[in-house]
Amino acid sequence: MSFGIYLVGALILIGGLIYGAVLAAIPTHWIVVGAIIAVGASILAAVGATRQKDPSS
């Protein structure tokens, strides 16, 4: 799968979690912290899943 597909899916998921947190009246600064952590974890997962192996020399 491509890196872009992973990121689009992650952004949709994170958007849903942010919306749920807003509806649950969680303070905004905690929502921002959680979103930053989730974006970072999503990028790490997407890179790990789509990274091609280095050719051995």
C-alpha atoms as a PDB file:
ATOM      1  CA  MET A   1       0.000   0.000   0.000  1.00  0.00           C
ATOM      2  CA  SER A   2       1.126   3.547  -0.508  1.00  0.00           C
ATOM      3  CA  PHE A   3       2.208   6.026   2.121  1.00  0.00           C
ATOM      4  CA  GLY A   4      -0.538   8.452   1.081  1.00  0.00           C
ATOM      5  CA  ILE A   5      -3.314   5.928   1.667  1.00  0.00           C
ATOM      6  CA  TYR A   6      -2.012   5.254   5.169  1.00  0.00           C
ATOM      7  CA  LEU A   7      -1.875   8.958   5.968  1.00  0.00           C
ATOM      8  CA  VAL A   8      -5.365   9.655   4.627  1.00  0.00           C
ATOM      9  CA  GLY A   9      -6.773   6.839   6.748  1.00  0.00           C
ATOM     10  CA  ALA A  10      -4.867   8.044   9.782  1.00  0.00           C
ATOM     11  CA  LEU A  11      -6.106  11.609   9.334  1.00  0.00           C
ATOM     12  CA  ILE A  12      -9.715  10.412   9.073  1.00  0.00           C
ATOM     13  CA  LEU A  13      -9.272   8.365  12.248  1.00  0.00           C
ATOM     14  CA  ILE A  14      -7.607  11.229  14.116  1.00  0.00           C
ATOM     15  CA  GLY A  15     -10.321  13.624  12.960  1.00  0.00           C
ATOM     16  CA  GLY A  16     -12.981  11.308  14.365  1.00  0.00           C
ATOM     17  CA  LEU A  17     -11.140  11.022  17.660  1.00  0.00           C
ATOM     18  CA  ILE A  18     -10.795  14.800  17.885  1.00  0.00           C
ATOM     19  CA  TYR A  19     -14.503  15.239  17.180  1.00  0.00           C
ATOM     20  CA  GLY A  20     -15.361  12.717  19.895  1.00  0.00           C
ATOM     21  CA  ALA A  21     -13.038  14.446  22.348  1.00  0.00           C
ATOM     22  CA  VAL A  22     -14.685  17.804  21.638  1.00  0.00           C
ATOM     23  CA  LEU A  23     -18.126  16.296  22.208  1.00  0.00           C
ATOM     24  CA  ALA A  24     -16.868  14.788  25.483  1.00  0.00           C
ATOM     25  CA  ALA A  25     -15.788  18.297  26.577  1.00  0.00           C
ATOM     26  CA  ILE A  26     -12.123  17.386  26.989  1.00  0.00           C
ATOM     27  CA  PRO A  27      -9.966  20.516  27.386  1.00  0.00           C
ATOM     28  CA  THR A  28      -8.549  21.806  24.085  1.00  0.00           C
ATOM     29  CA  HIS A  29      -4.900  21.630  25.118  1.00  0.00           C
ATOM     30  CA  TRP A  30      -5.238  17.878  25.819  1.00  0.00           C
ATOM     31  CA  ILE A  31      -6.932  17.345  22.464  1.00  0.00           C
ATOM     32  CA  VAL A  32      -4.011  19.095  20.728  1.00  0.00           C
ATOM     33  CA  VAL A  33      -1.451  17.016  22.643  1.00  0.00           C
ATOM     34  CA  GLY A  34      -3.269  13.795  21.755  1.00  0.00           C
ATOM     35  CA  ALA A  35      -3.571  14.799  18.106  1.00  0.00           C
ATOM     36  CA  ILE A  36       0.152  15.582  17.839  1.00  0.00           C
ATOM     37  CA  ILE A  37       1.048  12.223  19.370  1.00  0.00           C
ATOM     38  CA  ALA A  38      -1.410  10.404  17.088  1.00  0.00           C
ATOM     39  CA  VAL A  39      -0.053  12.115  13.958  1.00  0.00           C
ATOM     40  CA  GLY A  40       3.508  11.199  14.922  1.00  0.00           C
ATOM     41  CA  ALA A  41       2.576   7.581  15.604  1.00  0.00           C
ATOM     42  CA  SER A  42       0.671   7.415  12.311  1.00  0.00           C
ATOM     43  CA  ILE A  43       3.658   8.701  10.346  1.00  0.00           C
ATOM     44  CA  LEU A  44       5.936   6.162  12.020  1.00  0.00           C
ATOM     45  CA  ALA A  45       3.516   3.330  11.259  1.00  0.00           C
ATOM     46  CA  ALA A  46       3.045   4.430   7.645  1.00  0.00           C
ATOM     47  CA  VAL A  47       6.783   4.678   7.024  1.00  0.00           C
ATOM     48  CA  GLY A  48       7.347   1.275   8.604  1.00  0.00           C
ATOM     49  CA  ALA A  49       4.631  -0.329   6.510  1.00  0.00           C
ATOM     50  CA  THR A  50       5.601   1.218   3.171  1.00  0.00           C
ATOM     51  CA  ARG A  51       9.400   1.378   3.455  1.00  0.00           C
ATOM     52  CA  GLN A  52      11.198  -0.604   0.798  1.00  0.00           C
ATOM     53  CA  LYS A  53      14.125  -2.756   1.810  1.00  0.00           C
ATOM     54  CA  ASP A  54      17.566  -1.416   1.034  1.00  0.00           C
ATOM     55  CA  PRO A  55      19.350  -3.461  -1.637  1.00  0.00           C
ATOM     56  CA  SER A  56      22.292  -5.389  -0.247  1.00  0.00           C
ATOM     57  CA  SER A  57      25.561  -4.603  -1.938  1.00  0.00           C
END
